[in-house]
C-alpha atoms as a PDB file:
ATOM      1  CA  MET A   1     -33.281  16.798   0.633  1.00  0.00           C
ATOM      2  CA  GLN A   2     -33.281  15.423   3.916  1.00  0.00           C
ATOM      3  CA  LEU A   3     -31.454  16.947   6.418  1.00  0.00           C
ATOM      4  CA  ARG A   4     -29.740  14.964   9.530  1.00  0.00           C
ATOM      5  CA  ILE A   5     -28.340  17.316  12.085  1.00  0.00           C
ATOM      6  CA  LEU A   6     -25.266  14.990  13.436  1.00  0.00           C
ATOM      7  CA  GLY A   7     -24.267  18.360  16.275  1.00  0.00           C
ATOM      8  CA  THR A   8     -25.794  21.054  17.919  1.00  0.00           C
ATOM      9  CA  GLY A   9     -23.253  21.756  20.693  1.00  0.00           C
ATOM     10  CA  THR A  10     -20.605  24.112  21.009  1.00  0.00           C
ATOM     11  CA  SER A  11     -16.758  23.618  22.437  1.00  0.00           C
ATOM     12  CA  GLN A  12     -18.681  22.245  25.615  1.00  0.00           C
ATOM     13  CA  VAL A  13     -19.633  18.895  24.587  1.00  0.00           C
ATOM     14  CA  SER A  14     -21.525  16.412  26.071  1.00  0.00           C
ATOM     15  CA  LYS A  15     -23.351  12.622  25.739  1.00  0.00           C
ATOM     16  CA  GLU A  16     -26.400  14.681  24.492  1.00  0.00           C
ATOM     17  CA  ARG A  17     -24.702  17.100  22.003  1.00  0.00           C
ATOM     18  CA  VAL A  18     -21.126  16.957  20.105  1.00  0.00           C
ATOM     19  CA  SER A  19     -20.075  20.115  18.599  1.00  0.00           C
ATOM     20  CA  THR A  20     -21.574  21.616  15.057  1.00  0.00           C
ATOM     21  CA  ALA A  21     -22.243  19.164  12.707  1.00  0.00           C
ATOM     22  CA  ASN A  22     -25.167  18.477   9.812  1.00  0.00           C
ATOM     23  CA  HIS A  23     -25.612  16.393   6.872  1.00  0.00           C
ATOM     24  CA  LEU A  24     -27.389  16.729   3.644  1.00  0.00           C
ATOM     25  CA  LYS A  25     -28.076  14.195   1.079  1.00  0.00           C
ATOM     26  CA  ILE A  26     -29.064  16.454  -1.619  1.00  0.00           C
ATOM     27  CA  GLY A  27     -29.435  15.577  -5.455  1.00  0.00           C
ATOM     28  CA  ASP A  28     -27.197  12.426  -5.359  1.00  0.00           C
ATOM     29  CA  LYS A  29     -24.490  14.284  -2.621  1.00  0.00           C
ATOM     30  CA  SER A  30     -23.642  13.364   0.302  1.00  0.00           C
ATOM     31  CA  VAL A  31     -22.888  16.276   2.038  1.00  0.00           C
ATOM     32  CA  LEU A  32     -21.351  17.676   5.582  1.00  0.00           C
ATOM     33  CA  VAL A  33     -21.333  21.111   6.603  1.00  0.00           C
ATOM     34  CA  ASP A  34     -18.987  21.984   9.242  1.00  0.00           C
ATOM     35  CA  CYS A  35     -17.875  18.869  11.163  1.00  0.00           C
ATOM     36  CA  GLY A  36     -16.833  19.710  14.760  1.00  0.00           C
ATOM     37  CA  CYS A  37     -15.522  17.248  17.543  1.00  0.00           C
ATOM     38  CA  GLY A  38     -17.912  14.124  17.647  1.00  0.00           C
ATOM     39  CA  ALA A  39     -19.354  14.631  13.813  1.00  0.00           C
ATOM     40  CA  LEU A  40     -17.587  11.044  13.128  1.00  0.00           C
ATOM     41  CA  VAL A  41     -19.253   9.707  15.715  1.00  0.00           C
ATOM     42  CA  ARG A  42     -22.779  10.883  14.826  1.00  0.00           C
ATOM     43  CA  LEU A  43     -22.643   9.674  11.053  1.00  0.00           C
ATOM     44  CA  ASP A  44     -21.524   5.953  12.235  1.00  0.00           C
ATOM     45  CA  GLN A  45     -24.544   6.280  14.706  1.00  0.00           C
ATOM     46  CA  ALA A  46     -26.783   8.205  12.041  1.00  0.00           C
ATOM     47  CA  GLY A  47     -25.771   4.931   9.367  1.00  0.00           C
ATOM     48  CA  ILE A  48     -24.478   7.396   6.963  1.00  0.00           C
ATOM     49  CA  PRO A  49     -20.756   5.786   5.980  1.00  0.00           C
ATOM     50  CA  PHE A  50     -17.773   8.582   6.621  1.00  0.00           C
ATOM     51  CA  LYS A  51     -16.122   6.835   3.375  1.00  0.00           C
ATOM     52  CA  ASP A  52     -19.126   7.970   1.377  1.00  0.00           C
ATOM     53  CA  ILE A  53     -18.979  11.454   2.007  1.00  0.00           C
ATOM     54  CA  ASP A  54     -19.018  13.722  -1.679  1.00  0.00           C
ATOM     55  CA  ILE A  55     -18.595  17.490  -0.091  1.00  0.00           C
ATOM     56  CA  ILE A  56     -17.604  18.875   3.351  1.00  0.00           C
ATOM     57  CA  PHE A  57     -18.949  22.734   3.501  1.00  0.00           C
ATOM     58  CA  ILE A  58     -16.772  24.899   6.128  1.00  0.00           C
ATOM     59  CA  SER A  59     -18.576  27.470   7.728  1.00  0.00           C
ATOM     60  CA  HIS A  60     -15.503  29.372   9.577  1.00  0.00           C
ATOM     61  CA  PHE A  61     -12.428  27.841  11.228  1.00  0.00           C
ATOM     62  CA  HIS A  62     -13.094  27.198  15.088  1.00  0.00           C
ATOM     63  CA  ILE A  63     -12.512  24.169  16.446  1.00  0.00           C
ATOM     64  CA  ASP A  64     -16.432  23.363  16.780  1.00  0.00           C
ATOM     65  CA  HIS A  65     -17.005  23.789  13.800  1.00  0.00           C
ATOM     66  CA  ILE A  66     -14.027  22.125  12.050  1.00  0.00           C
ATOM     67  CA  LEU A  67     -11.774  19.749  14.414  1.00  0.00           C
ATOM     68  CA  ASP A  68     -13.249  16.460  12.538  1.00  0.00           C
ATOM     69  CA  LEU A  69     -12.388  17.514   9.428  1.00  0.00           C
ATOM     70  CA  TYR A  70      -8.917  15.909  10.558  1.00  0.00           C
ATOM     71  CA  SER A  71     -10.562  12.736  11.883  1.00  0.00           C
ATOM     72  CA  ILE A  72     -12.906  12.236   8.704  1.00  0.00           C
ATOM     73  CA  LEU A  73      -9.634  12.593   6.515  1.00  0.00           C
ATOM     74  CA  TRP A  74      -7.511  10.620   8.678  1.00  0.00           C
ATOM     75  CA  ALA A  75     -10.022   7.803   8.573  1.00  0.00           C
ATOM     76  CA  LEU A  76     -10.498   8.111   4.763  1.00  0.00           C
ATOM     77  CA  LYS A  77      -6.756   6.780   4.603  1.00  0.00           C
ATOM     78  CA  TYR A  78      -7.567   3.397   5.729  1.00  0.00           C
ATOM     79  CA  PRO A  79      -6.233   1.596   3.244  1.00  0.00           C
ATOM     80  CA  TYR A  80      -9.191  -0.801   2.362  1.00  0.00           C
ATOM     81  CA  LEU A  81     -11.987   1.936   2.412  1.00  0.00           C
ATOM     82  CA  ASN A  82     -11.647   1.236  -1.610  1.00  0.00           C
ATOM     83  CA  ARG A  83     -12.784   4.802  -1.977  1.00  0.00           C
ATOM     84  CA  LYS A  84     -12.149   6.239  -5.751  1.00  0.00           C
ATOM     85  CA  LYS A  85     -14.167   9.594  -6.114  1.00  0.00           C
ATOM     86  CA  ASP A  86     -12.396  12.564  -5.011  1.00  0.00           C
ATOM     87  CA  LEU A  87     -13.759  14.462  -1.813  1.00  0.00           C
ATOM     88  CA  LEU A  88     -14.297  17.953  -2.207  1.00  0.00           C
ATOM     89  CA  ILE A  89     -14.105  20.892   0.478  1.00  0.00           C
ATOM     90  CA  VAL A  90     -15.259  23.937   0.078  1.00  0.00           C
ATOM     91  CA  GLY A  91     -14.667  26.974   2.262  1.00  0.00           C
ATOM     92  CA  PRO A  92     -14.639  31.141   2.358  1.00  0.00           C
ATOM     93  CA  PRO A  93     -11.855  32.870   1.222  1.00  0.00           C
ATOM     94  CA  GLY A  94      -9.092  31.775   2.768  1.00  0.00           C
ATOM     95  CA  PHE A  95      -9.721  28.319   3.408  1.00  0.00           C
ATOM     96  CA  LYS A  96      -6.764  26.777   0.836  1.00  0.00           C
ATOM     97  CA  LYS A  97      -3.906  29.011   2.692  1.00  0.00           C
ATOM     98  CA  PHE A  98      -5.584  27.475   6.405  1.00  0.00           C
ATOM     99  CA  TYR A  99      -5.733  23.884   5.033  1.00  0.00           C
ATOM    100  CA  ASP A 100      -2.342  24.156   3.930  1.00  0.00           C
ATOM    101  CA  THR A 101      -0.919  25.175   6.732  1.00  0.00           C
ATOM    102  CA  TYR A 102      -2.790  23.459   9.852  1.00  0.00           C
ATOM    103  CA  VAL A 103      -4.859  20.679   8.144  1.00  0.00           C
ATOM    104  CA  LYS A 104      -2.779  18.758   5.177  1.00  0.00           C
ATOM    105  CA  PRO A 105       0.899  18.496   7.092  1.00  0.00           C
ATOM    106  CA  ILE A 106      -1.230  16.844   9.851  1.00  0.00           C
ATOM    107  CA  VAL A 107      -3.066  14.484   7.537  1.00  0.00           C
ATOM    108  CA  PHE A 108      -1.070  14.129   4.902  1.00  0.00           C
ATOM    109  CA  SER A 109       2.179  11.971   6.019  1.00  0.00           C
ATOM    110  CA  GLU A 110       1.390   9.710   3.328  1.00  0.00           C
ATOM    111  CA  PRO A 111      -0.820  10.560   0.686  1.00  0.00           C
ATOM    112  CA  PHE A 112      -3.922   9.296  -0.548  1.00  0.00           C
ATOM    113  CA  GLU A 113      -3.261   7.197  -3.323  1.00  0.00           C
ATOM    114  CA  GLU A 114      -6.581   6.052  -4.977  1.00  0.00           C
ATOM    115  CA  PHE A 115      -8.500   9.718  -4.736  1.00  0.00           C
ATOM    116  CA  ARG A 116      -7.352  13.383  -4.169  1.00  0.00           C
ATOM    117  CA  ILE A 117      -8.818  16.411  -2.272  1.00  0.00           C
ATOM    118  CA  LYS A 118      -9.972  19.080  -4.010  1.00  0.00           C
ATOM    119  CA  ILE A 119     -10.587  22.402  -2.212  1.00  0.00           C
ATOM    120  CA  ILE A 120     -12.578  25.137  -3.149  1.00  0.00           C
ATOM    121  CA  GLU A 121     -13.015  28.734  -1.931  1.00  0.00           C
ATOM    122  CA  ILE A 122     -16.702  29.699  -2.265  1.00  0.00           C
ATOM    123  CA  LYS A 123     -17.139  33.677  -2.748  1.00  0.00           C
ATOM    124  CA  ASP A 124     -20.798  33.727  -3.829  1.00  0.00           C
ATOM    125  CA  LYS A 125     -22.091  30.448  -5.663  1.00  0.00           C
ATOM    126  CA  ILE A 126     -22.010  26.911  -6.920  1.00  0.00           C
ATOM    127  CA  LYS A 127     -24.108  25.451  -9.235  1.00  0.00           C
ATOM    128  CA  PHE A 128     -23.846  21.509  -9.164  1.00  0.00           C
ATOM    129  CA  LYS A 129     -25.890  19.053 -11.366  1.00  0.00           C
ATOM    130  CA  ASP A 130     -28.902  18.784  -9.298  1.00  0.00           C
ATOM    131  CA  PHE A 131     -28.755  21.566  -6.835  1.00  0.00           C
ATOM    132  CA  ILE A 132     -27.089  26.077  -6.344  1.00  0.00           C
ATOM    133  CA  VAL A 133     -25.485  26.441  -2.813  1.00  0.00           C
ATOM    134  CA  GLU A 134     -25.272  30.464  -2.410  1.00  0.00           C
ATOM    135  CA  THR A 135     -23.228  32.055   0.300  1.00  0.00           C
ATOM    136  CA  HIS A 136     -23.679  35.071   2.384  1.00  0.00           C
ATOM    137  CA  ARG A 137     -20.639  36.381   4.997  1.00  0.00           C
ATOM    138  CA  THR A 138     -21.972  36.446   8.472  1.00  0.00           C
ATOM    139  CA  PRO A 139     -20.815  38.668  11.550  1.00  0.00           C
ATOM    140  CA  HIS A 140     -18.646  36.328  13.920  1.00  0.00           C
ATOM    141  CA  THR A 141     -15.171  35.719  12.312  1.00  0.00           C
ATOM    142  CA  ASP A 142     -13.860  38.084   9.451  1.00  0.00           C
ATOM    143  CA  GLU A 143     -14.429  34.362   6.855  1.00  0.00           C
ATOM    144  CA  SER A 144     -17.393  33.254   8.415  1.00  0.00           C
ATOM    145  CA  LEU A 145     -20.086  32.413   6.170  1.00  0.00           C
ATOM    146  CA  ALA A 146     -23.818  31.270   6.173  1.00  0.00           C
ATOM    147  CA  TYR A 147     -25.395  28.425   3.275  1.00  0.00           C
ATOM    148  CA  LYS A 148     -27.944  28.511   1.219  1.00  0.00           C
ATOM    149  CA  PHE A 149     -28.743  25.277  -0.650  1.00  0.00           C
ATOM    150  CA  THR A 150     -31.828  25.189  -3.010  1.00  0.00           C
ATOM    151  CA  GLU A 151     -33.295  22.059  -5.040  1.00  0.00           C
ATOM    152  CA  ASN A 152     -36.142  21.625  -6.784  1.00  0.00           C
ATOM    153  CA  GLU A 153     -37.362  25.007  -4.818  1.00  0.00           C
ATOM    154  CA  LYS A 154     -36.712  23.593  -2.024  1.00  0.00           C
ATOM    155  CA  ILE A 155     -34.565  26.264   0.533  1.00  0.00           C
ATOM    156  CA  LEU A 156     -32.454  25.521   3.730  1.00  0.00           C
ATOM    157  CA  VAL A 157     -29.981  27.666   5.076  1.00  0.00           C
ATOM    158  CA  ILE A 158     -27.760  26.696   7.420  1.00  0.00           C
ATOM    159  CA  ALA A 159     -26.256  30.055   9.351  1.00  0.00           C
ATOM    160  CA  GLY A 160     -23.479  29.329  11.280  1.00  0.00           C
ATOM    161  CA  ASP A 161     -22.112  31.302  13.944  1.00  0.00           C
ATOM    162  CA  MET A 162     -23.382  35.005  13.743  1.00  0.00           C
ATOM    163  CA  ASP A 163     -24.579  38.178  15.129  1.00  0.00           C
ATOM    164  CA  TYR A 164     -27.549  39.695  14.256  1.00  0.00           C
ATOM    165  CA  ASP A 165     -27.543  40.726  10.961  1.00  0.00           C
ATOM    166  CA  LYS A 166     -30.377  42.508   9.147  1.00  0.00           C
ATOM    167  CA  GLU A 167     -29.292  41.194   5.593  1.00  0.00           C
ATOM    168  CA  LEU A 168     -29.452  37.711   6.739  1.00  0.00           C
ATOM    169  CA  ILE A 169     -32.929  38.283   6.134  1.00  0.00           C
ATOM    170  CA  SER A 170     -33.536  38.998   2.669  1.00  0.00           C
ATOM    171  CA  PHE A 171     -30.394  35.686   2.061  1.00  0.00           C
ATOM    172  CA  SER A 172     -33.209  33.551   3.834  1.00  0.00           C
ATOM    173  CA  LYS A 173     -36.326  35.022   2.328  1.00  0.00           C
ATOM    174  CA  ASN A 174     -39.195  32.040   2.051  1.00  0.00           C
ATOM    175  CA  ALA A 175     -36.813  29.269   3.196  1.00  0.00           C
ATOM    176  CA  ASP A 176     -38.198  26.320   4.031  1.00  0.00           C
ATOM    177  CA  ILE A 177     -35.902  25.720   7.013  1.00  0.00           C
ATOM    178  CA  LEU A 178     -33.799  28.390   8.456  1.00  0.00           C
ATOM    179  CA  ILE A 179     -31.119  26.973  11.096  1.00  0.00           C
ATOM    180  CA  LEU A 180     -30.234  29.525  13.669  1.00  0.00           C
ATOM    181  CA  GLU A 181     -27.556  29.505  16.367  1.00  0.00           C
ATOM    182  CA  CYS A 182     -29.065  31.060  20.206  1.00  0.00           C
ATOM    183  CA  SER A 183     -25.954  29.812  22.067  1.00  0.00           C
ATOM    184  CA  PHE A 184     -27.499  31.617  24.976  1.00  0.00           C
ATOM    185  CA  ASP A 185     -30.951  33.032  26.283  1.00  0.00           C
ATOM    186  CA  ASN A 186     -32.140  36.855  26.139  1.00  0.00           C
ATOM    187  CA  SER A 187     -30.652  37.616  29.531  1.00  0.00           C
ATOM    188  CA  LYS A 188     -27.344  36.891  28.400  1.00  0.00           C
ATOM    189  CA  LYS A 189     -26.305  38.300  25.071  1.00  0.00           C
ATOM    190  CA  VAL A 190     -22.507  36.962  23.888  1.00  0.00           C
ATOM    191  CA  GLU A 191     -20.878  39.485  21.199  1.00  0.00           C
ATOM    192  CA  GLY A 192     -20.696  37.671  17.831  1.00  0.00           C
ATOM    193  CA  HIS A 193     -23.519  35.097  19.001  1.00  0.00           C
ATOM    194  CA  LEU A 194     -27.630  35.126  18.412  1.00  0.00           C
ATOM    195  CA  ILE A 195     -29.901  35.134  21.295  1.00  0.00           C
ATOM    196  CA  PRO A 196     -33.854  34.154  21.120  1.00  0.00           C
ATOM    197  CA  LYS A 197     -35.604  37.205  20.315  1.00  0.00           C
ATOM    198  CA  GLU A 198     -32.968  37.812  17.765  1.00  0.00           C
ATOM    199  CA  CYS A 199     -33.489  34.330  15.891  1.00  0.00           C
ATOM    200  CA  GLY A 200     -36.928  34.978  15.991  1.00  0.00           C
ATOM    201  CA  LYS A 201     -36.780  38.744  14.480  1.00  0.00           C
ATOM    202  CA  ILE A 202     -34.813  37.116  11.655  1.00  0.00           C
ATOM    203  CA  ALA A 203     -37.639  34.012  10.897  1.00  0.00           C
ATOM    204  CA  LYS A 204     -40.411  36.281  11.383  1.00  0.00           C
ATOM    205  CA  ASN A 205     -39.041  39.480   8.752  1.00  0.00           C
ATOM    206  CA  ALA A 206     -37.804  36.551   6.275  1.00  0.00           C
ATOM    207  CA  ASN A 207     -41.046  34.785   6.557  1.00  0.00           C
ATOM    208  CA  VAL A 208     -39.702  31.250   6.498  1.00  0.00           C
ATOM    209  CA  LYS A 209     -41.748  28.306   6.876  1.00  0.00           C
ATOM    210  CA  LYS A 210     -39.568  26.812  10.082  1.00  0.00           C
ATOM    211  CA  LEU A 211     -37.080  27.993  12.534  1.00  0.00           C
ATOM    212  CA  ILE A 212     -34.661  25.801  14.081  1.00  0.00           C
ATOM    213  CA  ILE A 213     -32.680  26.958  16.886  1.00  0.00           C
ATOM    214  CA  THR A 214     -28.988  24.868  17.311  1.00  0.00           C
ATOM    215  CA  HIS A 215     -25.228  25.484  18.675  1.00  0.00           C
ATOM    216  CA  CYS A 216     -26.361  25.118  22.364  1.00  0.00           C
ATOM    217  CA  TYR A 217     -24.251  26.112  25.364  1.00  0.00           C
ATOM    218  CA  PRO A 218     -25.538  24.033  28.347  1.00  0.00           C
ATOM    219  CA  ILE A 219     -28.048  25.963  29.509  1.00  0.00           C
ATOM    220  CA  PRO A 220     -31.734  24.697  30.115  1.00  0.00           C
ATOM    221  CA  LYS A 221     -33.285  24.440  26.220  1.00  0.00           C
ATOM    222  CA  GLU A 222     -36.363  25.690  27.492  1.00  0.00           C
ATOM    223  CA  THR A 223     -36.037  28.874  27.949  1.00  0.00           C
ATOM    224  CA  ARG A 224     -34.095  29.566  24.777  1.00  0.00           C
ATOM    225  CA  LEU A 225     -36.973  27.564  23.276  1.00  0.00           C
ATOM    226  CA  LYS A 226     -39.897  29.745  24.985  1.00  0.00           C
ATOM    227  CA  GLU A 227     -38.473  33.036  24.021  1.00  0.00           C
ATOM    228  CA  THR A 228     -37.868  32.360  20.418  1.00  0.00           C
ATOM    229  CA  ARG A 229     -41.958  30.856  19.848  1.00  0.00           C
ATOM    230  CA  LEU A 230     -42.803  33.927  21.816  1.00  0.00           C
ATOM    231  CA  ILE A 231     -41.427  36.203  17.677  1.00  0.00           C
ATOM    232  CA  PHE A 232     -41.787  33.143  15.978  1.00  0.00           C
ATOM    233  CA  LYS A 233     -43.931  30.026  16.776  1.00  0.00           C
ATOM    234  CA  ASN A 234     -42.683  27.509  14.146  1.00  0.00           C
ATOM    235  CA  THR A 235     -39.440  27.312  15.923  1.00  0.00           C
ATOM    236  CA  ILE A 236     -38.157  23.619  17.091  1.00  0.00           C
ATOM    237  CA  MET A 237     -34.867  22.808  18.779  1.00  0.00           C
ATOM    238  CA  ALA A 238     -32.126  20.975  17.151  1.00  0.00           C
ATOM    239  CA  GLU A 239     -30.979  17.604  19.082  1.00  0.00           C
ATOM    240  CA  ASP A 240     -28.510  15.490  17.490  1.00  0.00           C
ATOM    241  CA  LEU A 241     -29.251  13.136  15.400  1.00  0.00           C
ATOM    242  CA  MET A 242     -32.854  14.683  14.685  1.00  0.00           C
ATOM    243  CA  LYS A 243     -34.013  14.067  10.549  1.00  0.00           C
ATOM    244  CA  ILE A 244     -35.829  16.086   8.711  1.00  0.00           C
ATOM    245  CA  GLU A 245     -37.064  15.934   5.119  1.00  0.00           C
ATOM    246  CA  ILE A 246     -37.082  19.169   3.367  1.00  0.00           C
END
């Protein structure tokens, strides 16, 4: 399993941090987990062909996690890509209605002729040929999900946006990598988002091997990293285009 962190920012994008997006090479699949503003550009910068994406997972419907879904689908309509395989898009309960209401009318001015778009609403888990994807509802929006990817006993958890949730500890137990948002430092608690001491507590109690903090508003990163490491030492700050082998 190979993780490429494409976007580590929020709605406040910059040259250094575009909105949330992650890429996985897992089994024989090319997978996106969220695709906020800037994901399409970061894919190109990472040398990952957007036309070869097999599956897109959506954690929730906020713009900084979903905006480049439109861009990717629009780019796939280019007639000379020669894409034949179907594209699977997986989201939380309610995603089909969201897609049909807010995405399809914009992107489908002309249909895709060579392949189909398949929509799945995930409830608990999906088993693929080489890996399993499980979900956990997180406190952020009504639909927000954390995703757990398991391949050959290697475990990656991408929690999406969330407030503190002790149930995520058992969901993430013994994960090789846990990715948590850490929007602000300990002095700036905002409802629906995590701060360093909460990130550290979740990682420590879940006994994960490594914690990666992400979803960074434009304030000095050193404070958040230092405050998290006071509780969980093996923490790193995500950076756009960071590559990690799991």
